[in-house]
Amino acid sequence: MGKLEYLLVLAACVVVTLPLELAGARVYRRPRLLARAVLPVAAVFLVWDAVAITAGVWDFDPAFVTGVGVPLGIPLEEVLFFVVVPICGLLTYEAVQLTGRVVTRLLRRRERVPR
């Protein structure tokens, strides 16, 4: 696998959490809200990455990245990481919130039913 491993892990994250969107998490259906949640944080961490790479604090093993890069030596996979992982986190969070609302509704309905 080598050069595709990082991309495959990111793809697996998307595939595993995609059913949450289909189940009603509604993250992808609100692109402006999604962008406002993900992009500022991604920008901060990309700057942090660029500074660390430039300072020689860390780097990326060429055996595990495709070699496609963006300015300042950040691999494409790293840029995608800062977008994909937060989206997967948001999908999970929204799915938990949705589940909580559904369970609460069911419990309230059950309390109202005369026995």
PDB file of N, CA and C in Angstrom:
ATOM      1  N   MET A   1       0.823  -1.189   0.000  1.00  0.00           N
ATOM      2  CA  MET A   1       0.000   0.000   0.000  1.00  0.00           C
ATOM      3  C   MET A   1       0.864   1.248   0.000  1.00  0.00           C
ATOM      4  N   GLY A   2       1.738   1.380   0.978  1.00  0.00           N
ATOM      5  CA  GLY A   2       2.697   2.461   1.011  1.00  0.00           C
ATOM      6  C   GLY A   2       2.120   3.847   0.851  1.00  0.00           C
ATOM      7  N   LYS A   3       2.324   4.425  -0.299  1.00  0.00           N
ATOM      8  CA  LYS A   3       1.979   5.828  -0.550  1.00  0.00           C
ATOM      9  C   LYS A   3       0.485   6.124  -0.436  1.00  0.00           C
ATOM     10  N   LEU A   4      -0.344   5.118  -0.495  1.00  0.00           N
ATOM     11  CA  LEU A   4      -1.796   5.349  -0.427  1.00  0.00           C
ATOM     12  C   LEU A   4      -2.387   5.143   0.964  1.00  0.00           C
ATOM     13  N   GLU A   5      -1.573   4.699   1.918  1.00  0.00           N
ATOM     14  CA  GLU A   5      -2.112   4.364   3.238  1.00  0.00           C
ATOM     15  C   GLU A   5      -2.834   5.529   3.900  1.00  0.00           C
ATOM     16  N   TYR A   6      -2.216   6.680   3.930  1.00  0.00           N
ATOM     17  CA  TYR A   6      -2.817   7.856   4.583  1.00  0.00           C
ATOM     18  C   TYR A   6      -4.151   8.180   3.918  1.00  0.00           C
ATOM     19  N   LEU A   7      -4.174   8.194   2.591  1.00  0.00           N
ATOM     20  CA  LEU A   7      -5.420   8.478   1.873  1.00  0.00           C
ATOM     21  C   LEU A   7      -6.470   7.402   2.133  1.00  0.00           C
ATOM     22  N   LEU A   8      -6.046   6.146   2.214  1.00  0.00           N
ATOM     23  CA  LEU A   8      -6.995   5.066   2.470  1.00  0.00           C
ATOM     24  C   LEU A   8      -7.603   5.163   3.867  1.00  0.00           C
ATOM     25  N   VAL A   9      -6.805   5.552   4.841  1.00  0.00           N
ATOM     26  CA  VAL A   9      -7.334   5.729   6.196  1.00  0.00           C
ATOM     27  C   VAL A   9      -8.355   6.870   6.209  1.00  0.00           C
ATOM     28  N   LEU A  10      -8.047   7.965   5.520  1.00  0.00           N
ATOM     29  CA  LEU A  10      -9.001   9.076   5.447  1.00  0.00           C
ATOM     30  C   LEU A  10     -10.281   8.649   4.728  1.00  0.00           C
ATOM     31  N   ALA A  11     -10.141   7.887   3.649  1.00  0.00           N
ATOM     32  CA  ALA A  11     -11.312   7.393   2.920  1.00  0.00           C
ATOM     33  C   ALA A  11     -12.136   6.470   3.809  1.00  0.00           C
ATOM     34  N   ALA A  12     -11.476   5.630   4.594  1.00  0.00           N
ATOM     35  CA  ALA A  12     -12.187   4.737   5.508  1.00  0.00           C
ATOM     36  C   ALA A  12     -12.973   5.538   6.544  1.00  0.00           C
ATOM     37  N   CYS A  13     -12.391   6.631   7.031  1.00  0.00           N
ATOM     38  CA  CYS A  13     -13.097   7.496   7.985  1.00  0.00           C
ATOM     39  C   CYS A  13     -14.384   8.035   7.363  1.00  0.00           C
ATOM     40  N   VAL A  14     -14.302   8.464   6.127  1.00  0.00           N
ATOM     41  CA  VAL A  14     -15.478   9.001   5.437  1.00  0.00           C
ATOM     42  C   VAL A  14     -16.515   7.900   5.234  1.00  0.00           C
ATOM     43  N   VAL A  15     -16.079   6.741   4.782  1.00  0.00           N
ATOM     44  CA  VAL A  15     -17.006   5.634   4.507  1.00  0.00           C
ATOM     45  C   VAL A  15     -17.690   5.161   5.788  1.00  0.00           C
ATOM     46  N   VAL A  16     -16.952   5.081   6.880  1.00  0.00           N
ATOM     47  CA  VAL A  16     -17.517   4.595   8.140  1.00  0.00           C
ATOM     48  C   VAL A  16     -18.547   5.580   8.702  1.00  0.00           C
ATOM     49  N   THR A  17     -18.310   6.881   8.522  1.00  0.00           N
ATOM     50  CA  THR A  17     -19.231   7.860   9.095  1.00  0.00           C
ATOM     51  C   THR A  17     -20.329   8.322   8.129  1.00  0.00           C
ATOM     52  N   LEU A  18     -20.211   8.004   6.872  1.00  0.00           N
ATOM     53  CA  LEU A  18     -21.227   8.416   5.895  1.00  0.00           C
ATOM     54  C   LEU A  18     -22.636   7.936   6.248  1.00  0.00           C
ATOM     55  N   PRO A  19     -22.808   6.707   6.746  1.00  0.00           N
ATOM     56  CA  PRO A  19     -24.168   6.293   7.126  1.00  0.00           C
ATOM     57  C   PRO A  19     -24.811   7.201   8.184  1.00  0.00           C
ATOM     58  N   LEU A  20     -23.988   7.870   8.985  1.00  0.00           N
ATOM     59  CA  LEU A  20     -24.545   8.782   9.986  1.00  0.00           C
ATOM     60  C   LEU A  20     -25.255   9.953   9.307  1.00  0.00           C
ATOM     61  N   GLU A  21     -24.690  10.427   8.207  1.00  0.00           N
ATOM     62  CA  GLU A  21     -25.346  11.499   7.440  1.00  0.00           C
ATOM     63  C   GLU A  21     -26.658  10.982   6.856  1.00  0.00           C
ATOM     64  N   LEU A  22     -26.617   9.783   6.326  1.00  0.00           N
ATOM     65  CA  LEU A  22     -27.813   9.198   5.725  1.00  0.00           C
ATOM     66  C   LEU A  22     -28.886   8.914   6.768  1.00  0.00           C
ATOM     67  N   ALA A  23     -28.457   8.725   8.017  1.00  0.00           N
ATOM     68  CA  ALA A  23     -29.398   8.453   9.099  1.00  0.00           C
ATOM     69  C   ALA A  23     -29.993   9.735   9.687  1.00  0.00           C
ATOM     70  N   GLY A  24     -29.509  10.891   9.220  1.00  0.00           N
ATOM     71  CA  GLY A  24     -30.121  12.140   9.658  1.00  0.00           C
ATOM     72  C   GLY A  24     -29.214  13.104  10.393  1.00  0.00           C
ATOM     73  N   ALA A  25     -27.909  12.886  10.392  1.00  0.00           N
ATOM     74  CA  ALA A  25     -27.002  13.790  11.103  1.00  0.00           C
ATOM     75  C   ALA A  25     -26.989  15.189  10.484  1.00  0.00           C
ATOM     76  N   ARG A  26     -27.246  15.296   9.202  1.00  0.00           N
ATOM     77  CA  ARG A  26     -27.380  16.569   8.490  1.00  0.00           C
ATOM     78  C   ARG A  26     -26.151  17.472   8.591  1.00  0.00           C
ATOM     79  N   VAL A  27     -24.981  16.918   8.412  1.00  0.00           N
ATOM     80  CA  VAL A  27     -23.752  17.714   8.412  1.00  0.00           C
ATOM     81  C   VAL A  27     -23.443  18.186   7.002  1.00  0.00           C
ATOM     82  N   TYR A  28     -23.458  17.285   6.050  1.00  0.00           N
ATOM     83  CA  TYR A  28     -23.149  17.650   4.665  1.00  0.00           C
ATOM     84  C   TYR A  28     -24.246  18.525   4.054  1.00  0.00           C
ATOM     85  N   ARG A  29     -25.437  18.462   4.613  1.00  0.00           N
ATOM     86  CA  ARG A  29     -26.553  19.244   4.075  1.00  0.00           C
ATOM     87  C   ARG A  29     -26.525  20.701   4.510  1.00  0.00           C
ATOM     88  N   ARG A  30     -25.579  21.040   5.383  1.00  0.00           N
ATOM     89  CA  ARG A  30     -25.443  22.426   5.857  1.00  0.00           C
ATOM     90  C   ARG A  30     -24.011  22.899   5.567  1.00  0.00           C
ATOM     91  N   PRO A  31     -23.686  23.094   4.284  1.00  0.00           N
ATOM     92  CA  PRO A  31     -22.288  23.374   3.918  1.00  0.00           C
ATOM     93  C   PRO A  31     -21.721  24.661   4.521  1.00  0.00           C
ATOM     94  N   ARG A  32     -22.529  25.689   4.659  1.00  0.00           N
ATOM     95  CA  ARG A  32     -21.995  26.939   5.244  1.00  0.00           C
ATOM     96  C   ARG A  32     -21.617  26.739   6.707  1.00  0.00           C
ATOM     97  N   LEU A  33     -22.489  26.083   7.439  1.00  0.00           N
ATOM     98  CA  LEU A  33     -22.213  25.808   8.844  1.00  0.00           C
ATOM     99  C   LEU A  33     -21.004  24.883   8.976  1.00  0.00           C
ATOM    100  N   LEU A  34     -20.931  23.899   8.113  1.00  0.00           N
ATOM    101  CA  LEU A  34     -19.799  22.970   8.110  1.00  0.00           C
ATOM    102  C   LEU A  34     -18.493  23.712   7.842  1.00  0.00           C
ATOM    103  N   ALA A  35     -18.502  24.588   6.856  1.00  0.00           N
ATOM    104  CA  ALA A  35     -17.294  25.361   6.529  1.00  0.00           C
ATOM    105  C   ALA A  35     -16.903  26.267   7.691  1.00  0.00           C
ATOM    106  N   ARG A  36     -17.886  26.899   8.328  1.00  0.00           N
ATOM    107  CA  ARG A  36     -17.582  27.775   9.469  1.00  0.00           C
ATOM    108  C   ARG A  36     -17.018  26.998  10.645  1.00  0.00           C
ATOM    109  N   ALA A  37     -17.383  25.730  10.770  1.00  0.00           N
ATOM    110  CA  ALA A  37     -16.883  24.914  11.873  1.00  0.00           C
ATOM    111  C   ALA A  37     -15.495  24.350  11.577  1.00  0.00           C
ATOM    112  N   VAL A  38     -15.245  23.957  10.340  1.00  0.00           N
ATOM    113  CA  VAL A  38     -14.019  23.229  10.007  1.00  0.00           C
ATOM    114  C   VAL A  38     -12.886  24.138   9.536  1.00  0.00           C
ATOM    115  N   LEU A  39     -13.169  25.067   8.663  1.00  0.00           N
ATOM    116  CA  LEU A  39     -12.100  25.828   8.016  1.00  0.00           C
ATOM    117  C   LEU A  39     -11.230  26.672   8.955  1.00  0.00           C
ATOM    118  N   PRO A  40     -11.790  27.393   9.921  1.00  0.00           N
ATOM    119  CA  PRO A  40     -10.898  28.162  10.804  1.00  0.00           C
ATOM    120  C   PRO A  40      -9.928  27.279  11.595  1.00  0.00           C
ATOM    121  N   VAL A  41     -10.420  26.175  12.101  1.00  0.00           N
ATOM    122  CA  VAL A  41      -9.571  25.268  12.869  1.00  0.00           C
ATOM    123  C   VAL A  41      -8.531  24.623  11.958  1.00  0.00           C
ATOM    124  N   ALA A  42      -8.946  24.212  10.771  1.00  0.00           N
ATOM    125  CA  ALA A  42      -8.008  23.619   9.815  1.00  0.00           C
ATOM    126  C   ALA A  42      -6.914  24.621   9.469  1.00  0.00           C
ATOM    127  N   ALA A  43      -7.279  25.875   9.283  1.00  0.00           N
ATOM    128  CA  ALA A  43      -6.287  26.901   8.944  1.00  0.00           C
ATOM    129  C   ALA A  43      -5.250  27.047  10.054  1.00  0.00           C
ATOM    130  N   VAL A  44      -5.704  27.083  11.295  1.00  0.00           N
ATOM    131  CA  VAL A  44      -4.774  27.205  12.427  1.00  0.00           C
ATOM    132  C   VAL A  44      -3.801  26.030  12.455  1.00  0.00           C
ATOM    133  N   PHE A  45      -4.324  24.822  12.311  1.00  0.00           N
ATOM    134  CA  PHE A  45      -3.454  23.654  12.393  1.00  0.00           C
ATOM    135  C   PHE A  45      -2.557  23.509  11.161  1.00  0.00           C
ATOM    136  N   LEU A  46      -3.003  23.976  10.021  1.00  0.00           N
ATOM    137  CA  LEU A  46      -2.139  23.948   8.836  1.00  0.00           C
ATOM    138  C   LEU A  46      -0.977  24.927   8.991  1.00  0.00           C
ATOM    139  N   VAL A  47      -1.248  26.078   9.580  1.00  0.00           N
ATOM    140  CA  VAL A  47      -0.157  27.021   9.861  1.00  0.00           C
ATOM    141  C   VAL A  47       0.810  26.394  10.867  1.00  0.00           C
ATOM    142  N   TRP A  48       0.263  25.763  11.885  1.00  0.00           N
ATOM    143  CA  TRP A  48       1.082  25.089  12.894  1.00  0.00           C
ATOM    144  C   TRP A  48       1.954  24.024  12.224  1.00  0.00           C
ATOM    145  N   ASP A  49       1.348  23.222  11.352  1.00  0.00           N
ATOM    146  CA  ASP A  49       2.099  22.209  10.605  1.00  0.00           C
ATOM    147  C   ASP A  49       3.223  22.839   9.785  1.00  0.00           C
ATOM    148  N   ALA A  50       2.893  23.905   9.067  1.00  0.00           N
ATOM    149  CA  ALA A  50       3.882  24.567   8.211  1.00  0.00           C
ATOM    150  C   ALA A  50       5.056  25.088   9.034  1.00  0.00           C
ATOM    151  N   VAL A  51       4.756  25.683  10.173  1.00  0.00           N
ATOM    152  CA  VAL A  51       5.820  26.194  11.046  1.00  0.00           C
ATOM    153  C   VAL A  51       6.688  25.043  11.547  1.00  0.00           C
ATOM    154  N   ALA A  52       6.057  23.966  11.976  1.00  0.00           N
ATOM    155  CA  ALA A  52       6.810  22.820  12.499  1.00  0.00           C
ATOM    156  C   ALA A  52       7.657  22.164  11.417  1.00  0.00           C
ATOM    157  N   ILE A  53       7.137  22.065  10.218  1.00  0.00           N
ATOM    158  CA  ILE A  53       7.895  21.478   9.108  1.00  0.00           C
ATOM    159  C   ILE A  53       9.083  22.368   8.755  1.00  0.00           C
ATOM    160  N   THR A  54       8.819  23.665   8.655  1.00  0.00           N
ATOM    161  CA  THR A  54       9.880  24.621   8.315  1.00  0.00           C
ATOM    162  C   THR A  54      10.971  24.630   9.386  1.00  0.00           C
ATOM    163  N   ALA A  55      10.582  24.505  10.648  1.00  0.00           N
ATOM    164  CA  ALA A  55      11.549  24.508  11.754  1.00  0.00           C
ATOM    165  C   ALA A  55      12.247  23.162  11.915  1.00  0.00           C
ATOM    166  N   GLY A  56      11.822  22.167  11.162  1.00  0.00           N
ATOM    167  CA  GLY A  56      12.435  20.851  11.265  1.00  0.00           C
ATOM    168  C   GLY A  56      11.973  20.041  12.467  1.00  0.00           C
ATOM    169  N   VAL A  57      10.869  20.456  13.086  1.00  0.00           N
ATOM    170  CA  VAL A  57      10.334  19.739  14.240  1.00  0.00           C
ATOM    171  C   VAL A  57       9.784  18.380  13.815  1.00  0.00           C
ATOM    172  N   TRP A  58       9.111  18.340  12.677  1.00  0.00           N
ATOM    173  CA  TRP A  58       8.661  17.072  12.120  1.00  0.00           C
ATOM    174  C   TRP A  58       8.564  17.156  10.617  1.00  0.00           C
ATOM    175  N   ASP A  59       8.414  15.976  10.043  1.00  0.00           N
ATOM    176  CA  ASP A  59       8.219  15.894   8.602  1.00  0.00           C
ATOM    177  C   ASP A  59       7.364  14.666   8.311  1.00  0.00           C
ATOM    178  N   PHE A  60       7.193  14.371   7.046  1.00  0.00           N
ATOM    179  CA  PHE A  60       6.352  13.246   6.649  1.00  0.00           C
ATOM    180  C   PHE A  60       7.190  12.280   5.841  1.00  0.00           C
ATOM    181  N   ASP A  61       7.072  11.006   6.154  1.00  0.00           N
ATOM    182  CA  ASP A  61       7.837   9.970   5.468  1.00  0.00           C
ATOM    183  C   ASP A  61       7.321   9.863   4.035  1.00  0.00           C
ATOM    184  N   PRO A  62       8.176  10.097   3.063  1.00  0.00           N
ATOM    185  CA  PRO A  62       7.748  10.031   1.666  1.00  0.00           C
ATOM    186  C   PRO A  62       7.208   8.658   1.255  1.00  0.00           C
ATOM    187  N   ALA A  63       7.527   7.637   2.022  1.00  0.00           N
ATOM    188  CA  ALA A  63       7.024   6.302   1.707  1.00  0.00           C
ATOM    189  C   ALA A  63       5.528   6.176   1.974  1.00  0.00           C
ATOM    190  N   PHE A  64       4.970   7.119   2.753  1.00  0.00           N
ATOM    191  CA  PHE A  64       3.565   6.996   3.153  1.00  0.00           C
ATOM    192  C   PHE A  64       2.685   8.145   2.681  1.00  0.00           C
ATOM    193  N   VAL A  65       3.213   9.009   1.839  1.00  0.00           N
ATOM    194  CA  VAL A  65       2.405  10.078   1.249  1.00  0.00           C
ATOM    195  C   VAL A  65       2.603  10.055  -0.260  1.00  0.00           C
ATOM    196  N   THR A  66       1.637  10.585  -0.973  1.00  0.00           N
ATOM    197  CA  THR A  66       1.668  10.500  -2.439  1.00  0.00           C
ATOM    198  C   THR A  66       2.729  11.393  -3.067  1.00  0.00           C
ATOM    199  N   GLY A  67       3.165  12.389  -2.335  1.00  0.00           N
ATOM    200  CA  GLY A  67       4.127  13.319  -2.908  1.00  0.00           C
ATOM    201  C   GLY A  67       3.472  14.572  -3.448  1.00  0.00           C
ATOM    202  N   VAL A  68       2.150  14.560  -3.511  1.00  0.00           N
ATOM    203  CA  VAL A  68       1.429  15.758  -3.924  1.00  0.00           C
ATOM    204  C   VAL A  68       1.442  16.688  -2.716  1.00  0.00           C
ATOM    205  N   GLY A  69       1.964  17.866  -2.925  1.00  0.00           N
ATOM    206  CA  GLY A  69       2.085  18.782  -1.801  1.00  0.00           C
ATOM    207  C   GLY A  69       1.445  20.113  -2.079  1.00  0.00           C
ATOM    208  N   VAL A  70       1.268  20.830  -1.031  1.00  0.00           N
ATOM    209  CA  VAL A  70       0.802  22.204  -1.119  1.00  0.00           C
ATOM    210  C   VAL A  70       1.953  23.078  -0.634  1.00  0.00           C
ATOM    211  N   PRO A  71       1.839  24.361  -0.731  1.00  0.00           N
ATOM    212  CA  PRO A  71       2.944  25.224  -0.296  1.00  0.00           C
ATOM    213  C   PRO A  71       3.404  24.917   1.132  1.00  0.00           C
ATOM    214  N   LEU A  72       4.635  25.209   1.383  1.00  0.00           N
ATOM    215  CA  LEU A  72       5.279  25.051   2.688  1.00  0.00           C
ATOM    216  C   LEU A  72       5.513  23.594   3.067  1.00  0.00           C
ATOM    217  N   GLY A  73       5.506  22.703   2.104  1.00  0.00           N
ATOM    218  CA  GLY A  73       5.865  21.314   2.359  1.00  0.00           C
ATOM    219  C   GLY A  73       4.817  20.460   3.036  1.00  0.00           C
ATOM    220  N   ILE A  74       3.604  20.936   3.096  1.00  0.00           N
ATOM    221  CA  ILE A  74       2.544  20.145   3.716  1.00  0.00           C
ATOM    222  C   ILE A  74       1.981  19.183   2.674  1.00  0.00           C
ATOM    223  N   PRO A  75       1.983  17.880   2.968  1.00  0.00           N
ATOM    224  CA  PRO A  75       1.415  16.925   2.000  1.00  0.00           C
ATOM    225  C   PRO A  75      -0.101  17.084   1.877  1.00  0.00           C
ATOM    226  N   LEU A  76      -0.610  16.760   0.715  1.00  0.00           N
ATOM    227  CA  LEU A  76      -2.048  16.811   0.471  1.00  0.00           C
ATOM    228  C   LEU A  76      -2.817  16.018   1.523  1.00  0.00           C
ATOM    229  N   GLU A  77      -2.279  14.875   1.894  1.00  0.00           N
ATOM    230  CA  GLU A  77      -2.952  14.021   2.880  1.00  0.00           C
ATOM    231  C   GLU A  77      -3.143  14.745   4.206  1.00  0.00           C
ATOM    232  N   GLU A  78      -2.175  15.547   4.593  1.00  0.00           N
ATOM    233  CA  GLU A  78      -2.270  16.282   5.853  1.00  0.00           C
ATOM    234  C   GLU A  78      -3.345  17.360   5.770  1.00  0.00           C
ATOM    235  N   VAL A  79      -3.431  18.017   4.644  1.00  0.00           N
ATOM    236  CA  VAL A  79      -4.492  19.015   4.439  1.00  0.00           C
ATOM    237  C   VAL A  79      -5.855  18.330   4.535  1.00  0.00           C
ATOM    238  N   LEU A  80      -5.987  17.201   3.865  1.00  0.00           N
ATOM    239  CA  LEU A  80      -7.251  16.454   3.913  1.00  0.00           C
ATOM    240  C   LEU A  80      -7.567  15.970   5.323  1.00  0.00           C
ATOM    241  N   PHE A  81      -6.532  15.597   6.072  1.00  0.00           N
ATOM    242  CA  PHE A  81      -6.726  15.158   7.452  1.00  0.00           C
ATOM    243  C   PHE A  81      -7.456  16.228   8.263  1.00  0.00           C
ATOM    244  N   PHE A  82      -7.026  17.484   8.101  1.00  0.00           N
ATOM    245  CA  PHE A  82      -7.615  18.562   8.882  1.00  0.00           C
ATOM    246  C   PHE A  82      -9.007  18.952   8.408  1.00  0.00           C
ATOM    247  N   VAL A  83      -9.472  18.351   7.341  1.00  0.00           N
ATOM    248  CA  VAL A  83     -10.836  18.548   6.871  1.00  0.00           C
ATOM    249  C   VAL A  83     -11.675  17.305   7.172  1.00  0.00           C
ATOM    250  N   VAL A  84     -11.160  16.140   6.821  1.00  0.00           N
ATOM    251  CA  VAL A  84     -11.916  14.887   6.948  1.00  0.00           C
ATOM    252  C   VAL A  84     -12.194  14.521   8.406  1.00  0.00           C
ATOM    253  N   VAL A  85     -11.184  14.552   9.245  1.00  0.00           N
ATOM    254  CA  VAL A  85     -11.359  14.111  10.630  1.00  0.00           C
ATOM    255  C   VAL A  85     -12.351  15.006  11.392  1.00  0.00           C
ATOM    256  N   PRO A  86     -12.266  16.331  11.281  1.00  0.00           N
ATOM    257  CA  PRO A  86     -13.305  17.139  11.943  1.00  0.00           C
ATOM    258  C   PRO A  86     -14.715  16.879  11.398  1.00  0.00           C
ATOM    259  N   ILE A  87     -14.834  16.655  10.108  1.00  0.00           N
ATOM    260  CA  ILE A  87     -16.156  16.352   9.552  1.00  0.00           C
ATOM    261  C   ILE A  87     -16.674  15.040  10.132  1.00  0.00           C
ATOM    262  N   CYS A  88     -15.811  14.048  10.227  1.00  0.00           N
ATOM    263  CA  CYS A  88     -16.223  12.772  10.820  1.00  0.00           C
ATOM    264  C   CYS A  88     -16.617  12.959  12.283  1.00  0.00           C
ATOM    265  N   GLY A  89     -15.886  13.806  12.991  1.00  0.00           N
ATOM    266  CA  GLY A  89     -16.239  14.114  14.374  1.00  0.00           C
ATOM    267  C   GLY A  89     -17.589  14.810  14.471  1.00  0.00           C
ATOM    268  N   LEU A  90     -17.833  15.760  13.577  1.00  0.00           N
ATOM    269  CA  LEU A  90     -19.127  16.443  13.563  1.00  0.00           C
ATOM    270  C   LEU A  90     -20.267  15.491  13.241  1.00  0.00           C
ATOM    271  N   LEU A  91     -20.033  14.592  12.292  1.00  0.00           N
ATOM    272  CA  LEU A  91     -21.057  13.595  11.957  1.00  0.00           C
ATOM    273  C   LEU A  91     -21.377  12.736  13.175  1.00  0.00           C
ATOM    274  N   THR A  92     -20.356  12.308  13.884  1.00  0.00           N
ATOM    275  CA  THR A  92     -20.562  11.480  15.068  1.00  0.00           C
ATOM    276  C   THR A  92     -21.312  12.258  16.140  1.00  0.00           C
ATOM    277  N   TYR A  93     -20.892  13.493  16.381  1.00  0.00           N
ATOM    278  CA  TYR A  93     -21.547  14.336  17.378  1.00  0.00           C
ATOM    279  C   TYR A  93     -23.022  14.543  17.035  1.00  0.00           C
ATOM    280  N   GLU A  94     -23.296  14.905  15.799  1.00  0.00           N
ATOM    281  CA  GLU A  94     -24.680  15.133  15.388  1.00  0.00           C
ATOM    282  C   GLU A  94     -25.518  13.859  15.480  1.00  0.00           C
ATOM    283  N   ALA A  95     -24.918  12.713  15.163  1.00  0.00           N
ATOM    284  CA  ALA A  95     -25.647  11.447  15.261  1.00  0.00           C
ATOM    285  C   ALA A  95     -25.979  11.121  16.717  1.00  0.00           C
ATOM    286  N   VAL A  96     -25.056  11.393  17.625  1.00  0.00           N
ATOM    287  CA  VAL A  96     -25.319  11.170  19.051  1.00  0.00           C
ATOM    288  C   VAL A  96     -26.424  12.112  19.525  1.00  0.00           C
ATOM    289  N   GLN A  97     -26.368  13.367  19.098  1.00  0.00           N
ATOM    290  CA  GLN A  97     -27.413  14.327  19.466  1.00  0.00           C
ATOM    291  C   GLN A  97     -28.773  13.867  18.940  1.00  0.00           C
ATOM    292  N   LEU A  98     -28.809  13.416  17.696  1.00  0.00           N
ATOM    293  CA  LEU A  98     -30.051  12.930  17.090  1.00  0.00           C
ATOM    294  C   LEU A  98     -30.586  11.721  17.856  1.00  0.00           C
ATOM    295  N   THR A  99     -29.709  10.813  18.184  1.00  0.00           N
ATOM    296  CA  THR A  99     -30.111   9.621  18.935  1.00  0.00           C
ATOM    297  C   THR A  99     -30.684  10.017  20.290  1.00  0.00           C
ATOM    298  N   GLY A 100     -30.040  10.963  20.943  1.00  0.00           N
ATOM    299  CA  GLY A 100     -30.537  11.442  22.240  1.00  0.00           C
ATOM    300  C   GLY A 100     -31.921  12.050  22.125  1.00  0.00           C
ATOM    301  N   ARG A 101     -32.144  12.839  21.077  1.00  0.00           N
ATOM    302  CA  ARG A 101     -33.469  13.443  20.883  1.00  0.00           C
ATOM    303  C   ARG A 101     -34.524  12.372  20.619  1.00  0.00           C
ATOM    304  N   VAL A 102     -34.181  11.386  19.818  1.00  0.00           N
ATOM    305  CA  VAL A 102     -35.139  10.313  19.505  1.00  0.00           C
ATOM    306  C   VAL A 102     -35.470   9.514  20.751  1.00  0.00           C
ATOM    307  N   VAL A 103     -34.466   9.156  21.531  1.00  0.00           N
ATOM    308  CA  VAL A 103     -34.696   8.390  22.760  1.00  0.00           C
ATOM    309  C   VAL A 103     -35.536   9.202  23.733  1.00  0.00           C
ATOM    310  N   THR A 104     -35.237  10.486  23.880  1.00  0.00           N
ATOM    311  CA  THR A 104     -36.021  11.346  24.774  1.00  0.00           C
ATOM    312  C   THR A 104     -37.475  11.409  24.334  1.00  0.00           C
ATOM    313  N   ARG A 105     -37.692  11.570  23.031  1.00  0.00           N
ATOM    314  CA  ARG A 105     -39.056  11.608  22.501  1.00  0.00           C
ATOM    315  C   ARG A 105     -39.790  10.300  22.791  1.00  0.00           C
ATOM    316  N   LEU A 106     -39.116   9.183  22.580  1.00  0.00           N
ATOM    317  CA  LEU A 106     -39.740   7.877  22.826  1.00  0.00           C
ATOM    318  C   LEU A 106     -40.079   7.690  24.303  1.00  0.00           C
ATOM    319  N   LEU A 107     -39.168   8.117  25.167  1.00  0.00           N
ATOM    320  CA  LEU A 107     -39.429   7.986  26.606  1.00  0.00           C
ATOM    321  C   LEU A 107     -40.592   8.863  27.042  1.00  0.00           C
ATOM    322  N   ARG A 108     -40.676  10.077  26.507  1.00  0.00           N
ATOM    323  CA  ARG A 108     -41.796  10.964  26.845  1.00  0.00           C
ATOM    324  C   ARG A 108     -43.120  10.391  26.347  1.00  0.00           C
ATOM    325  N   ARG A 109     -43.086   9.838  25.142  1.00  0.00           N
ATOM    326  CA  ARG A 109     -44.290   9.240  24.578  1.00  0.00           C
ATOM    327  C   ARG A 109     -44.722   8.048  25.429  1.00  0.00           C
ATOM    328  N   ARG A 110     -43.756   7.284  25.885  1.00  0.00           N
ATOM    329  CA  ARG A 110     -44.048   6.094  26.709  1.00  0.00           C
ATOM    330  C   ARG A 110     -44.655   6.509  28.041  1.00  0.00           C
ATOM    331  N   GLU A 111     -44.184   7.632  28.600  1.00  0.00           N
ATOM    332  CA  GLU A 111     -44.723   8.122  29.873  1.00  0.00           C
ATOM    333  C   GLU A 111     -46.168   8.580  29.736  1.00  0.00           C
ATOM    334  N   ARG A 112     -46.554   9.058  28.581  1.00  0.00           N
ATOM    335  CA  ARG A 112     -47.909   9.576  28.352  1.00  0.00           C
ATOM    336  C   ARG A 112     -48.928   8.471  28.096  1.00  0.00           C
ATOM    337  N   VAL A 113     -48.457   7.303  27.717  1.00  0.00           N
ATOM    338  CA  VAL A 113     -49.382   6.210  27.395  1.00  0.00           C
ATOM    339  C   VAL A 113     -49.950   5.643  28.689  1.00  0.00           C
ATOM    340  N   PRO A 114     -51.306   5.646  28.828  1.00  0.00           N
ATOM    341  CA  PRO A 114     -51.899   5.089  30.045  1.00  0.00           C
ATOM    342  C   PRO A 114     -51.696   3.577  30.108  1.00  0.00           C
ATOM    343  N   ARG A 115     -51.539   3.122  31.311  1.00  0.00           N
ATOM    344  CA  ARG A 115     -51.314   1.675  31.497  1.00  0.00           C
ATOM    345  C   ARG A 115     -52.508   1.002  32.080  1.00  0.00           C
TER     346      ARG A 115
END
